[in-house]
C-alpha atoms as a PDB file:
ATOM      1  CA  MET A   1      35.914  -6.765  11.454  1.00  0.00           C
ATOM      2  CA  THR A   2      34.475  -3.611  10.028  1.00  0.00           C
ATOM      3  CA  THR A   3      36.731  -0.589  10.124  1.00  0.00           C
ATOM      4  CA  PRO A   4      35.585   3.010   9.962  1.00  0.00           C
ATOM      5  CA  PRO A   5      36.082   4.751   6.629  1.00  0.00           C
ATOM      6  CA  GLU A   6      38.839   7.214   5.940  1.00  0.00           C
ATOM      7  CA  GLY A   7      38.328  10.286   3.802  1.00  0.00           C
ATOM      8  CA  ALA A   8      35.101  11.565   2.360  1.00  0.00           C
ATOM      9  CA  PRO A   9      34.150  12.268  -1.253  1.00  0.00           C
ATOM     10  CA  GLY A  10      32.658  15.544  -2.284  1.00  0.00           C
ATOM     11  CA  GLY A  11      29.009  16.209  -1.671  1.00  0.00           C
ATOM     12  CA  THR A  12      26.477  18.968  -1.533  1.00  0.00           C
ATOM     13  CA  PRO A  13      27.116  22.075   0.590  1.00  0.00           C
ATOM     14  CA  GLY A  14      25.080  20.520   3.408  1.00  0.00           C
ATOM     15  CA  GLY A  15      27.319  17.479   3.482  1.00  0.00           C
ATOM     16  CA  VAL A  16      24.712  15.037   2.183  1.00  0.00           C
ATOM     17  CA  PRO A  17      25.865  13.038  -0.862  1.00  0.00           C
ATOM     18  CA  ASP A  18      24.694  14.541  -4.136  1.00  0.00           C
ATOM     19  CA  SER A  19      22.334  12.102  -5.848  1.00  0.00           C
ATOM     20  CA  THR A  20      21.430  14.292  -8.820  1.00  0.00           C
ATOM     21  CA  SER A  21      22.557  13.233 -12.256  1.00  0.00           C
ATOM     22  CA  LYS A  22      22.919  15.008 -15.566  1.00  0.00           C
ATOM     23  CA  PRO A  23      19.987  14.374 -17.910  1.00  0.00           C
ATOM     24  CA  SER A  24      20.661  12.482 -21.101  1.00  0.00           C
ATOM     25  CA  ASP A  25      20.392  14.092 -24.536  1.00  0.00           C
ATOM     26  CA  ALA A  26      17.090  12.301 -25.089  1.00  0.00           C
ATOM     27  CA  GLN A  27      15.615  14.061 -22.054  1.00  0.00           C
ATOM     28  CA  LEU A  28      16.704  17.580 -23.067  1.00  0.00           C
ATOM     29  CA  PRO A  29      14.271  19.795 -24.968  1.00  0.00           C
ATOM     30  CA  GLY A  30      14.740  19.670 -28.732  1.00  0.00           C
ATOM     31  CA  LYS A  31      16.753  16.432 -28.663  1.00  0.00           C
ATOM     32  CA  GLU A  32      15.698  13.403 -30.677  1.00  0.00           C
ATOM     33  CA  PRO A  33      15.752   9.937 -29.079  1.00  0.00           C
ATOM     34  CA  PRO A  34      18.484   7.546 -30.250  1.00  0.00           C
ATOM     35  CA  ALA A  35      17.820   5.558 -33.383  1.00  0.00           C
ATOM     36  CA  GLY A  36      15.916   2.357 -32.817  1.00  0.00           C
ATOM     37  CA  GLU A  37      14.122   3.578 -29.685  1.00  0.00           C
ATOM     38  CA  PRO A  38      10.535   4.828 -29.868  1.00  0.00           C
ATOM     39  CA  ALA A  39       9.965   8.383 -28.718  1.00  0.00           C
ATOM     40  CA  GLY A  40       8.583   8.812 -25.240  1.00  0.00           C
ATOM     41  CA  GLU A  41       9.796   5.445 -23.886  1.00  0.00           C
ATOM     42  CA  PRO A  42      12.798   4.975 -21.585  1.00  0.00           C
ATOM     43  CA  ALA A  43      15.886   3.172 -22.746  1.00  0.00           C
ATOM     44  CA  ALA A  44      16.188  -0.523 -21.991  1.00  0.00           C
ATOM     45  CA  ASP A  45      18.652   0.097 -19.168  1.00  0.00           C
ATOM     46  CA  ASP A  46      16.353   2.664 -17.568  1.00  0.00           C
ATOM     47  CA  GLN A  47      13.383   0.278 -17.534  1.00  0.00           C
ATOM     48  CA  LEU A  48      14.993  -1.687 -14.702  1.00  0.00           C
ATOM     49  CA  SER A  49      14.554   1.287 -12.363  1.00  0.00           C
ATOM     50  CA  LEU A  50      10.923   2.036 -13.231  1.00  0.00           C
ATOM     51  CA  PRO A  51       8.502   1.967 -10.256  1.00  0.00           C
ATOM     52  CA  ALA A  52       6.617  -0.967 -11.802  1.00  0.00           C
ATOM     53  CA  ARG A  53       9.840  -2.990 -12.001  1.00  0.00           C
ATOM     54  CA  ARG A  54      10.693  -2.186  -8.404  1.00  0.00           C
ATOM     55  CA  GLY A  55       7.187  -3.226  -7.389  1.00  0.00           C
ATOM     56  CA  GLU A  56       7.633  -6.586  -9.103  1.00  0.00           C
ATOM     57  CA  GLU A  57      10.886  -7.112  -7.223  1.00  0.00           C
ATOM     58  CA  ARG A  58       9.160  -6.425  -3.909  1.00  0.00           C
ATOM     59  CA  LEU A  59       6.446  -8.977  -4.685  1.00  0.00           C
ATOM     60  CA  GLU A  60       9.172 -11.593  -5.102  1.00  0.00           C
ATOM     61  CA  GLU A  61      10.502 -10.951  -1.591  1.00  0.00           C
ATOM     62  CA  PRO A  62       9.514 -13.342   1.220  1.00  0.00           C
ATOM     63  CA  VAL A  63       6.214 -12.618   2.951  1.00  0.00           C
ATOM     64  CA  ALA A  64       6.782 -11.312   6.470  1.00  0.00           C
ATOM     65  CA  ARG A  65       3.168 -11.373   7.619  1.00  0.00           C
ATOM     66  CA  THR A  66      -0.430 -11.018   6.508  1.00  0.00           C
ATOM     67  CA  GLY A  67      -3.165  -8.934   8.023  1.00  0.00           C
ATOM     68  CA  MET A  68      -2.846  -6.130  10.544  1.00  0.00           C
ATOM     69  CA  PHE A  69      -3.512  -5.444  14.228  1.00  0.00           C
ATOM     70  CA  GLY A  70      -3.321  -9.127  15.095  1.00  0.00           C
ATOM     71  CA  VAL A  71      -6.516  -9.893  13.179  1.00  0.00           C
ATOM     72  CA  THR A  72      -6.330 -13.108  11.136  1.00  0.00           C
ATOM     73  CA  THR A  73      -9.989 -13.796  10.333  1.00  0.00           C
ATOM     74  CA  THR A  74     -12.322 -12.235   7.770  1.00  0.00           C
ATOM     75  CA  GLY A  75     -14.091 -10.387  10.581  1.00  0.00           C
ATOM     76  CA  ASP A  76     -11.718  -7.458  10.123  1.00  0.00           C
ATOM     77  CA  THR A  77     -13.902  -4.908   8.362  1.00  0.00           C
ATOM     78  CA  SER A  78     -11.153  -2.268   8.431  1.00  0.00           C
ATOM     79  CA  GLY A  79      -9.765  -3.605   5.137  1.00  0.00           C
ATOM     80  CA  TYR A  80      -6.379  -4.526   6.586  1.00  0.00           C
ATOM     81  CA  GLY A  81      -7.205  -8.202   7.058  1.00  0.00           C
ATOM     82  CA  ARG A  82      -5.924  -9.098   3.577  1.00  0.00           C
ATOM     83  CA  LEU A  83      -2.826  -6.921   3.780  1.00  0.00           C
ATOM     84  CA  VAL A  84       0.347  -8.755   2.681  1.00  0.00           C
ATOM     85  CA  VAL A  85       3.644  -7.357   3.951  1.00  0.00           C
ATOM     86  CA  HIS A  86       6.824  -8.506   2.246  1.00  0.00           C
ATOM     87  CA  ARG A  87      10.184  -8.716   3.941  1.00  0.00           C
ATOM     88  CA  PRO A  88      12.851  -6.695   2.086  1.00  0.00           C
ATOM     89  CA  PRO A  89      16.511  -7.580   2.589  1.00  0.00           C
ATOM     90  CA  LEU A  90      18.371  -5.651   5.273  1.00  0.00           C
ATOM     91  CA  PRO A  91      20.025  -2.595   3.683  1.00  0.00           C
ATOM     92  CA  ALA A  92      23.662  -1.834   4.357  1.00  0.00           C
ATOM     93  CA  ALA A  93      26.058   0.812   3.088  1.00  0.00           C
ATOM     94  CA  GLU A  94      29.781   0.428   2.554  1.00  0.00           C
ATOM     95  CA  PRO A  95      32.344   3.201   3.100  1.00  0.00           C
ATOM     96  CA  PRO A  96      32.953   5.762   1.863  1.00  0.00           C
ATOM     97  CA  TYR A  97      29.475   6.996   2.724  1.00  0.00           C
ATOM     98  CA  GLY A  98      29.892  10.512   1.326  1.00  0.00           C
ATOM     99  CA  GLY A  99      29.874  14.021   2.736  1.00  0.00           C
ATOM    100  CA  TYR A 100      30.127  14.449   6.494  1.00  0.00           C
ATOM    101  CA  PHE A 101      28.912  10.859   7.043  1.00  0.00           C
ATOM    102  CA  ASP A 102      32.499   9.628   6.758  1.00  0.00           C
ATOM    103  CA  VAL A 103      33.671  12.288   9.211  1.00  0.00           C
ATOM    104  CA  ILE A 104      31.194  11.055  11.824  1.00  0.00           C
ATOM    105  CA  ALA A 105      32.049   7.383  11.276  1.00  0.00           C
ATOM    106  CA  GLN A 106      35.776   8.094  11.397  1.00  0.00           C
ATOM    107  CA  GLY A 107      35.448  10.232  14.515  1.00  0.00           C
ATOM    108  CA  LEU A 108      33.301   7.641  16.299  1.00  0.00           C
ATOM    109  CA  GLY A 109      35.685   4.834  15.331  1.00  0.00           C
ATOM    110  CA  SER A 110      38.690   6.744  16.650  1.00  0.00           C
ATOM    111  CA  ALA A 111      36.935   7.645  19.911  1.00  0.00           C
ATOM    112  CA  LEU A 112      35.876   4.031  20.542  1.00  0.00           C
ATOM    113  CA  GLN A 113      39.314   2.707  19.601  1.00  0.00           C
ATOM    114  CA  ALA A 114      40.851   4.880  22.319  1.00  0.00           C
ATOM    115  CA  ASP A 115      38.839   2.823  24.850  1.00  0.00           C
ATOM    116  CA  GLY A 116      39.765  -0.473  23.205  1.00  0.00           C
ATOM    117  CA  VAL A 117      36.405  -0.952  21.424  1.00  0.00           C
ATOM    118  CA  ASP A 118      36.414  -1.730  17.725  1.00  0.00           C
ATOM    119  CA  PHE A 119      33.977   0.122  15.480  1.00  0.00           C
ATOM    120  CA  GLY A 120      32.687  -3.169  14.066  1.00  0.00           C
ATOM    121  CA  ASP A 121      32.025  -4.558  17.551  1.00  0.00           C
ATOM    122  CA  ALA A 122      29.768  -1.650  18.496  1.00  0.00           C
ATOM    123  CA  VAL A 123      28.120  -1.021  15.103  1.00  0.00           C
ATOM    124  CA  GLU A 124      26.329  -3.904  13.388  1.00  0.00           C
ATOM    125  CA  ARG A 125      25.751  -2.086  10.101  1.00  0.00           C
ATOM    126  CA  VAL A 126      25.394   1.371   8.609  1.00  0.00           C
ATOM    127  CA  THR A 127      22.810   2.816   6.227  1.00  0.00           C
ATOM    128  CA  THR A 128      22.595   6.134   4.401  1.00  0.00           C
ATOM    129  CA  ASP A 129      19.025   5.910   3.099  1.00  0.00           C
ATOM    130  CA  PHE A 130      17.072   9.119   2.416  1.00  0.00           C
ATOM    131  CA  GLY A 131      20.153  11.251   3.056  1.00  0.00           C
ATOM    132  CA  GLU A 132      20.296  10.143   6.695  1.00  0.00           C
ATOM    133  CA  LEU A 133      23.183   8.370   8.410  1.00  0.00           C
ATOM    134  CA  THR A 134      22.072   5.513  10.681  1.00  0.00           C
ATOM    135  CA  PHE A 135      24.242   3.403  12.970  1.00  0.00           C
ATOM    136  CA  TYR A 136      22.665   0.092  14.017  1.00  0.00           C
ATOM    137  CA  LEU A 137      24.230  -0.537  17.420  1.00  0.00           C
ATOM    138  CA  ARG A 138      24.575  -3.560  19.658  1.00  0.00           C
ATOM    139  CA  ARG A 139      22.718  -2.694  22.825  1.00  0.00           C
ATOM    140  CA  GLU A 140      25.627  -3.423  25.173  1.00  0.00           C
ATOM    141  CA  HIS A 141      27.612  -0.619  23.489  1.00  0.00           C
ATOM    142  CA  LEU A 142      24.787   1.958  23.350  1.00  0.00           C
ATOM    143  CA  VAL A 143      25.811   4.058  26.361  1.00  0.00           C
ATOM    144  CA  ALA A 144      29.497   4.107  25.361  1.00  0.00           C
ATOM    145  CA  VAL A 145      28.624   5.246  21.824  1.00  0.00           C
ATOM    146  CA  MET A 146      26.277   7.934  23.157  1.00  0.00           C
ATOM    147  CA  ASP A 147      28.991   9.186  25.486  1.00  0.00           C
ATOM    148  CA  LYS A 148      31.483   9.515  22.604  1.00  0.00           C
ATOM    149  CA  LEU A 149      28.955  11.225  20.362  1.00  0.00           C
ATOM    150  CA  LEU A 150      28.300  13.855  23.034  1.00  0.00           C
ATOM    151  CA  HIS A 151      31.732  14.506  24.520  1.00  0.00           C
ATOM    152  CA  ASP A 152      34.264  13.872  21.752  1.00  0.00           C
ATOM    153  CA  PRO A 153      35.327  17.245  20.251  1.00  0.00           C
ATOM    154  CA  ALA A 154      35.179  15.854  16.714  1.00  0.00           C
ATOM    155  CA  LEU A 155      31.529  14.802  17.193  1.00  0.00           C
ATOM    156  CA  ARG A 156      29.758  17.042  19.746  1.00  0.00           C
ATOM    157  CA  PHE A 157      26.127  15.922  19.323  1.00  0.00           C
ATOM    158  CA  GLU A 158      24.690  18.166  22.029  1.00  0.00           C
ATOM    159  CA  ILE A 159      20.980  17.863  21.178  1.00  0.00           C
ATOM    160  CA  PHE A 160      19.069  14.704  22.121  1.00  0.00           C
ATOM    161  CA  GLY A 161      16.099  14.649  19.759  1.00  0.00           C
ATOM    162  CA  GLY A 162      14.306  11.791  21.499  1.00  0.00           C
ATOM    163  CA  VAL A 163      13.880   8.038  21.431  1.00  0.00           C
ATOM    164  CA  SER A 164      10.894   6.221  19.961  1.00  0.00           C
ATOM    165  CA  GLY A 165       9.944   2.568  19.769  1.00  0.00           C
ATOM    166  CA  VAL A 166       9.141   0.352  16.793  1.00  0.00           C
ATOM    167  CA  HIS A 167       7.665  -3.148  16.885  1.00  0.00           C
ATOM    168  CA  TYR A 168       8.509  -5.668  14.150  1.00  0.00           C
ATOM    169  CA  PRO A 169       6.782  -8.965  15.095  1.00  0.00           C
ATOM    170  CA  ALA A 170       8.305 -10.765  12.091  1.00  0.00           C
ATOM    171  CA  ASP A 171      11.879  -9.753  12.986  1.00  0.00           C
ATOM    172  CA  LEU A 172      12.444 -12.800  15.165  1.00  0.00           C
ATOM    173  CA  GLY A 173      14.882 -12.203  17.988  1.00  0.00           C
ATOM    174  CA  ARG A 174      14.871  -8.461  17.238  1.00  0.00           C
ATOM    175  CA  GLU A 175      11.202  -7.582  17.561  1.00  0.00           C
ATOM    176  CA  LEU A 176      11.606  -4.354  19.552  1.00  0.00           C
ATOM    177  CA  HIS A 177      13.634  -1.419  18.227  1.00  0.00           C
ATOM    178  CA  ALA A 178      14.582   1.876  19.888  1.00  0.00           C
ATOM    179  CA  VAL A 179      15.411   4.752  17.524  1.00  0.00           C
ATOM    180  CA  TYR A 180      17.436   7.798  18.621  1.00  0.00           C
ATOM    181  CA  HIS A 181      18.006  11.129  16.842  1.00  0.00           C
ATOM    182  CA  LEU A 182      20.946  13.390  17.700  1.00  0.00           C
ATOM    183  CA  VAL A 183      21.902  16.843  16.404  1.00  0.00           C
ATOM    184  CA  SER A 184      25.273  18.595  16.567  1.00  0.00           C
ATOM    185  CA  ILE A 185      24.962  22.354  16.879  1.00  0.00           C
ATOM    186  CA  THR A 186      28.752  22.722  16.821  1.00  0.00           C
ATOM    187  CA  HIS A 187      29.201  20.966  13.468  1.00  0.00           C
ATOM    188  CA  ASN A 188      25.659  21.288  12.020  1.00  0.00           C
ATOM    189  CA  ARG A 189      25.234  17.519  11.588  1.00  0.00           C
ATOM    190  CA  ARG A 190      22.625  14.885  12.309  1.00  0.00           C
ATOM    191  CA  VAL A 191      22.853  11.179  13.057  1.00  0.00           C
ATOM    192  CA  ARG A 192      20.326   8.432  13.712  1.00  0.00           C
ATOM    193  CA  LEU A 193      20.925   5.418  15.979  1.00  0.00           C
ATOM    194  CA  GLU A 194      18.907   2.212  16.196  1.00  0.00           C
ATOM    195  CA  VAL A 195      19.106  -0.587  18.781  1.00  0.00           C
ATOM    196  CA  ALA A 196      17.182  -3.875  18.739  1.00  0.00           C
ATOM    197  CA  ALA A 197      16.120  -6.225  21.528  1.00  0.00           C
ATOM    198  CA  PRO A 198      14.182  -9.512  21.493  1.00  0.00           C
ATOM    199  CA  ASP A 199      10.602  -9.593  22.735  1.00  0.00           C
ATOM    200  CA  ALA A 200      11.632 -12.280  25.236  1.00  0.00           C
ATOM    201  CA  ASP A 201      14.328  -9.977  26.690  1.00  0.00           C
ATOM    202  CA  PRO A 202      13.141  -6.391  26.082  1.00  0.00           C
ATOM    203  CA  HIS A 203      16.023  -4.710  27.908  1.00  0.00           C
ATOM    204  CA  ILE A 204      18.023  -1.767  26.515  1.00  0.00           C
ATOM    205  CA  PRO A 205      20.379   0.385  28.623  1.00  0.00           C
ATOM    206  CA  SER A 206      19.082   3.802  29.607  1.00  0.00           C
ATOM    207  CA  VAL A 207      21.042   6.768  28.246  1.00  0.00           C
ATOM    208  CA  THR A 208      19.806   9.205  30.902  1.00  0.00           C
ATOM    209  CA  SER A 209      23.299   9.224  32.427  1.00  0.00           C
ATOM    210  CA  VAL A 210      24.582  10.795  29.192  1.00  0.00           C
ATOM    211  CA  TYR A 211      21.495  12.699  28.007  1.00  0.00           C
ATOM    212  CA  PRO A 212      19.204  13.596  30.963  1.00  0.00           C
ATOM    213  CA  ALA A 213      16.580  14.708  28.417  1.00  0.00           C
ATOM    214  CA  ALA A 214      16.016  11.029  27.598  1.00  0.00           C
ATOM    215  CA  ASN A 215      14.126  10.599  30.883  1.00  0.00           C
ATOM    216  CA  TRP A 216      10.579  11.249  29.657  1.00  0.00           C
ATOM    217  CA  HIS A 217      11.250   9.863  26.176  1.00  0.00           C
ATOM    218  CA  GLU A 218      12.279   6.491  27.588  1.00  0.00           C
ATOM    219  CA  ARG A 219       9.232   6.462  29.872  1.00  0.00           C
ATOM    220  CA  GLU A 220       6.943   7.036  26.888  1.00  0.00           C
ATOM    221  CA  THR A 221       8.662   4.325  24.837  1.00  0.00           C
ATOM    222  CA  TRP A 222       8.308   1.858  27.713  1.00  0.00           C
ATOM    223  CA  ASP A 223       4.674   2.905  28.200  1.00  0.00           C
ATOM    224  CA  PHE A 224       3.712   2.296  24.571  1.00  0.00           C
ATOM    225  CA  PHE A 225       6.065  -0.527  23.524  1.00  0.00           C
ATOM    226  CA  GLY A 226       7.238  -2.289  26.679  1.00  0.00           C
ATOM    227  CA  ILE A 227      10.966  -1.688  26.173  1.00  0.00           C
ATOM    228  CA  ILE A 228      12.640  -1.784  29.599  1.00  0.00           C
ATOM    229  CA  PHE A 229      15.416   0.812  29.870  1.00  0.00           C
ATOM    230  CA  ASP A 230      17.831  -0.545  32.469  1.00  0.00           C
ATOM    231  CA  GLY A 231      19.179   2.143  34.781  1.00  0.00           C
ATOM    232  CA  HIS A 232      16.307   4.584  34.280  1.00  0.00           C
ATOM    233  CA  PRO A 233      15.645   6.532  37.514  1.00  0.00           C
ATOM    234  CA  ALA A 234      11.836   6.073  37.461  1.00  0.00           C
ATOM    235  CA  LEU A 235      10.462   3.940  34.640  1.00  0.00           C
ATOM    236  CA  THR A 236       6.725   4.541  35.141  1.00  0.00           C
ATOM    237  CA  ARG A 237       3.867   5.217  32.768  1.00  0.00           C
ATOM    238  CA  ILE A 238       3.678   8.735  31.384  1.00  0.00           C
ATOM    239  CA  GLU A 239       0.780   8.623  28.884  1.00  0.00           C
ATOM    240  CA  MET A 240      -1.494   5.728  29.852  1.00  0.00           C
ATOM    241  CA  PRO A 241      -3.145   5.248  33.288  1.00  0.00           C
ATOM    242  CA  ASP A 242      -1.024   3.457  35.867  1.00  0.00           C
ATOM    243  CA  ASP A 243      -3.272   0.382  35.807  1.00  0.00           C
ATOM    244  CA  TRP A 244      -3.435   0.122  32.002  1.00  0.00           C
ATOM    245  CA  PRO A 245      -2.809  -3.460  30.796  1.00  0.00           C
ATOM    246  CA  GLY A 246      -0.173  -3.985  28.113  1.00  0.00           C
ATOM    247  CA  HIS A 247       1.530  -1.585  25.729  1.00  0.00           C
ATOM    248  CA  PRO A 248      -0.929  -0.177  23.152  1.00  0.00           C
ATOM    249  CA  GLN A 249       1.401   0.739  20.257  1.00  0.00           C
ATOM    250  CA  ARG A 250       2.690  -2.785  19.733  1.00  0.00           C
ATOM    251  CA  LYS A 251       1.544  -4.469  16.538  1.00  0.00           C
ATOM    252  CA  ASP A 252       0.081  -7.408  18.480  1.00  0.00           C
ATOM    253  CA  TYR A 253      -2.064  -5.167  20.676  1.00  0.00           C
ATOM    254  CA  PRO A 254      -5.763  -5.710  19.791  1.00  0.00           C
ATOM    255  CA  LEU A 255      -7.341  -2.806  17.945  1.00  0.00           C
ATOM    256  CA  GLY A 256     -10.641  -1.684  19.407  1.00  0.00           C
ATOM    257  CA  GLY A 257     -10.138  -3.739  22.542  1.00  0.00           C
ATOM    258  CA  ILE A 258     -11.982  -1.112  24.590  1.00  0.00           C
ATOM    259  CA  PRO A 259     -15.784  -1.343  24.196  1.00  0.00           C
ATOM    260  CA  VAL A 260     -17.004   1.969  22.765  1.00  0.00           C
ATOM    261  CA  GLU A 261     -20.607   2.998  23.297  1.00  0.00           C
ATOM    262  CA  TYR A 262     -22.313   5.105  20.654  1.00  0.00           C
ATOM    263  CA  ARG A 263     -25.996   5.909  21.194  1.00  0.00           C
ATOM    264  CA  GLY A 264     -26.497   2.721  23.116  1.00  0.00           C
ATOM    265  CA  THR A 265     -24.472   0.566  20.689  1.00  0.00           C
ATOM    266  CA  LYS A 266     -21.086  -0.961  21.453  1.00  0.00           C
ATOM    267  CA  VAL A 267     -18.352  -1.121  18.793  1.00  0.00           C
ATOM    268  CA  PRO A 268     -16.460  -4.447  19.077  1.00  0.00           C
ATOM    269  CA  PRO A 269     -12.829  -5.006  18.050  1.00  0.00           C
ATOM    270  CA  PRO A 270     -12.212  -5.792  14.349  1.00  0.00           C
ATOM    271  CA  ASP A 271     -11.916  -9.565  14.779  1.00  0.00           C
ATOM    272  CA  GLU A 272     -15.332  -9.717  16.411  1.00  0.00           C
ATOM    273  CA  ARG A 273     -17.235  -7.604  13.895  1.00  0.00           C
ATOM    274  CA  ARG A 274     -19.683  -8.998  11.390  1.00  0.00           C
ATOM    275  CA  SER A 275     -18.100  -9.469   7.977  1.00  0.00           C
ATOM    276  CA  TYR A 276     -19.754  -8.726   4.656  1.00  0.00           C
ATOM    277  CA  SER A 277     -19.212 -10.578   1.398  1.00  0.00           C
END
């Protein structure tokens, strides 16, 4: 089982880990490059981190899907028909995370442990990409985690920043994701939460009992992505008309499915347009 980290290394004044590094002598003005290395070219060790090298590594990753907007034929004149999307490995961070990230993880772990819930049972994995702490939660523990984040004195995330949906058709068994942003005014901290649900069972517990402000946000996410928030007081459409078919921000929703008339001419969806070679 995963256990929450203890202690936190030093970071920047804002609490986010300091990723800056001291430049080498070869990068400082007036310094000559080491013998045996041509001027103006990075050292051999640095070449592994060049953008071109990282691009080559991405091309070696498995292909998640091709095309866009559900279009698989050459009739897609938008240019996305030949798009190739690679599947990067799932990122994960190991403690210590740095700065106030460890304080949040430790506080959440202690609060859950008081109710007999292990940190590793509620949190699948943790990431700290782009200076942002993200807890990937199991959906059955979402409401309990939200309750601790709001009411525990060591956490106190009073501001509910909203919930938005994401659709990953290639993430089999986890196609629909709900992403939450919380802010602590008391401690001046931020945290991001993410919960996944399969397309065949798009149910995620509503957090309106903890954060009433989630009411309209969950309605919008259901409207656009089809995520059903169990326990919501009135899960009805909020953006689209009541009789609108489907959920238009899903990746498998047809683009241009509504016939558009322009000076007597109708614009068909991309997979029905005439292609040019």
